Amino acid sequence: MRERALDFTCAAQPMRVLFRPGAVPDAVPDEAALLALCRVLVLCDDHGLDTARAVAASLGDACAGLHAAWAGESPCGG
């Protein structure tokens, strides 16, 4: 069986963690602006769909989409 080569780029920026009751989804647009993000893809599993929808709505036009089938793994080790 031939192995498929992985080809990806992972750029991990310094982490910022925000702890505050009610921070999601209201703080997400401000955090996106702080990072100069103009398009944001919202990822969640099926358990976080309500929150993800609220985050996507709070982003407005900056929301690039909502993917609700995330399996919790990424090339960056998520």
C-alpha atoms as a PDB file:
ATOM      1  CA  MET A   1       0.000   0.000   0.000  1.00  0.00           C
ATOM      2  CA  ARG A   2       1.398   3.382  -0.988  1.00  0.00           C
ATOM      3  CA  GLU A   3       1.555   5.987   1.778  1.00  0.00           C
ATOM      4  CA  ARG A   4       0.096   9.376   1.013  1.00  0.00           C
ATOM      5  CA  ALA A   5       2.499  12.202   1.768  1.00  0.00           C
ATOM      6  CA  LEU A   6       1.269  14.933   4.064  1.00  0.00           C
ATOM      7  CA  ASP A   7       1.598  18.440   2.730  1.00  0.00           C
ATOM      8  CA  PHE A   8       0.430  21.224   5.010  1.00  0.00           C
ATOM      9  CA  THR A   9       1.493  24.433   6.708  1.00  0.00           C
ATOM     10  CA  CYS A  10       0.894  25.045  10.389  1.00  0.00           C
ATOM     11  CA  ALA A  11       1.550  28.518  11.765  1.00  0.00           C
ATOM     12  CA  ALA A  12       0.883  28.692  15.498  1.00  0.00           C
ATOM     13  CA  GLN A  13       0.746  32.204  16.837  1.00  0.00           C
ATOM     14  CA  PRO A  14       1.221  33.039  20.519  1.00  0.00           C
ATOM     15  CA  MET A  15      -1.841  31.872  22.404  1.00  0.00           C
ATOM     16  CA  ARG A  16      -4.353  34.171  24.040  1.00  0.00           C
ATOM     17  CA  VAL A  17      -6.921  32.634  26.364  1.00  0.00           C
ATOM     18  CA  LEU A  18      -9.970  34.627  27.438  1.00  0.00           C
ATOM     19  CA  PHE A  19     -11.886  33.443  30.505  1.00  0.00           C
ATOM     20  CA  ARG A  20     -15.098  35.342  31.140  1.00  0.00           C
ATOM     21  CA  PRO A  21     -18.685  34.223  31.659  1.00  0.00           C
ATOM     22  CA  GLY A  22     -20.576  34.890  28.455  1.00  0.00           C
ATOM     23  CA  ALA A  23     -17.383  35.503  26.457  1.00  0.00           C
ATOM     24  CA  VAL A  24     -18.592  33.211  23.694  1.00  0.00           C
ATOM     25  CA  PRO A  25     -19.858  34.385  21.277  1.00  0.00           C
ATOM     26  CA  ASP A  26     -19.678  38.087  22.126  1.00  0.00           C
ATOM     27  CA  ALA A  27     -15.885  38.323  22.437  1.00  0.00           C
ATOM     28  CA  VAL A  28     -15.090  36.429  19.216  1.00  0.00           C
ATOM     29  CA  PRO A  29     -15.483  39.406  16.817  1.00  0.00           C
ATOM     30  CA  ASP A  30     -13.192  41.521  19.020  1.00  0.00           C
ATOM     31  CA  GLU A  31     -10.596  38.737  19.212  1.00  0.00           C
ATOM     32  CA  ALA A  32     -10.744  38.260  15.437  1.00  0.00           C
ATOM     33  CA  ALA A  33     -10.198  41.989  14.954  1.00  0.00           C
ATOM     34  CA  LEU A  34      -7.277  41.919  17.409  1.00  0.00           C
ATOM     35  CA  LEU A  35      -5.630  39.301  15.168  1.00  0.00           C
ATOM     36  CA  ALA A  36      -6.551  41.267  12.020  1.00  0.00           C
ATOM     37  CA  LEU A  37      -8.664  38.370  10.727  1.00  0.00           C
ATOM     38  CA  CYS A  38     -11.149  39.340   8.059  1.00  0.00           C
ATOM     39  CA  ARG A  39     -12.585  35.853   7.362  1.00  0.00           C
ATOM     40  CA  VAL A  40     -13.126  33.228  10.068  1.00  0.00           C
ATOM     41  CA  LEU A  41     -14.182  29.603   9.640  1.00  0.00           C
ATOM     42  CA  VAL A  42     -16.141  28.365  12.672  1.00  0.00           C
ATOM     43  CA  LEU A  43     -15.508  24.685  13.514  1.00  0.00           C
ATOM     44  CA  CYS A  44     -17.364  22.506  15.986  1.00  0.00           C
ATOM     45  CA  ASP A  45     -18.547  18.987  16.606  1.00  0.00           C
ATOM     46  CA  ASP A  46     -22.223  18.158  16.801  1.00  0.00           C
ATOM     47  CA  HIS A  47     -22.297  18.936  20.554  1.00  0.00           C
ATOM     48  CA  GLY A  48     -21.218  22.555  20.071  1.00  0.00           C
ATOM     49  CA  LEU A  49     -23.500  23.436  17.205  1.00  0.00           C
ATOM     50  CA  ASP A  50     -25.700  25.938  19.085  1.00  0.00           C
ATOM     51  CA  THR A  51     -22.666  27.860  20.341  1.00  0.00           C
ATOM     52  CA  ALA A  52     -21.015  27.697  16.919  1.00  0.00           C
ATOM     53  CA  ARG A  53     -24.126  29.132  15.296  1.00  0.00           C
ATOM     54  CA  ALA A  54     -24.115  32.004  17.807  1.00  0.00           C
ATOM     55  CA  VAL A  55     -20.406  32.639  17.118  1.00  0.00           C
ATOM     56  CA  ALA A  56     -20.998  32.578  13.360  1.00  0.00           C
ATOM     57  CA  ALA A  57     -23.884  35.035  13.726  1.00  0.00           C
ATOM     58  CA  SER A  58     -21.785  37.363  15.903  1.00  0.00           C
ATOM     59  CA  LEU A  59     -19.076  37.441  13.217  1.00  0.00           C
ATOM     60  CA  GLY A  60     -21.530  38.597  10.558  1.00  0.00           C
ATOM     61  CA  ASP A  61     -19.852  39.065   7.160  1.00  0.00           C
ATOM     62  CA  ALA A  62     -16.492  37.999   8.638  1.00  0.00           C
ATOM     63  CA  CYS A  63     -17.807  34.434   9.014  1.00  0.00           C
ATOM     64  CA  ALA A  64     -16.457  32.383   6.111  1.00  0.00           C
ATOM     65  CA  GLY A  65     -18.616  29.431   7.063  1.00  0.00           C
ATOM     66  CA  LEU A  66     -19.605  26.926   9.720  1.00  0.00           C
ATOM     67  CA  HIS A  67     -18.378  23.322   9.671  1.00  0.00           C
ATOM     68  CA  ALA A  68     -20.166  21.187  12.244  1.00  0.00           C
ATOM     69  CA  ALA A  69     -18.482  17.837  11.594  1.00  0.00           C
ATOM     70  CA  TRP A  70     -15.059  18.544  13.084  1.00  0.00           C
ATOM     71  CA  ALA A  71     -13.488  15.365  14.471  1.00  0.00           C
ATOM     72  CA  GLY A  72     -11.081  17.083  16.872  1.00  0.00           C
ATOM     73  CA  GLU A  73      -7.842  16.377  15.050  1.00  0.00           C
ATOM     74  CA  SER A  74      -5.717  18.604  12.845  1.00  0.00           C
ATOM     75  CA  PRO A  75      -2.207  18.594  11.368  1.00  0.00           C
ATOM     76  CA  CYS A  76      -1.263  21.050  14.132  1.00  0.00           C
ATOM     77  CA  GLY A  77      -1.995  18.427  16.772  1.00  0.00           C
ATOM     78  CA  GLY A  78      -5.490  19.613  17.841  1.00  0.00           C
END
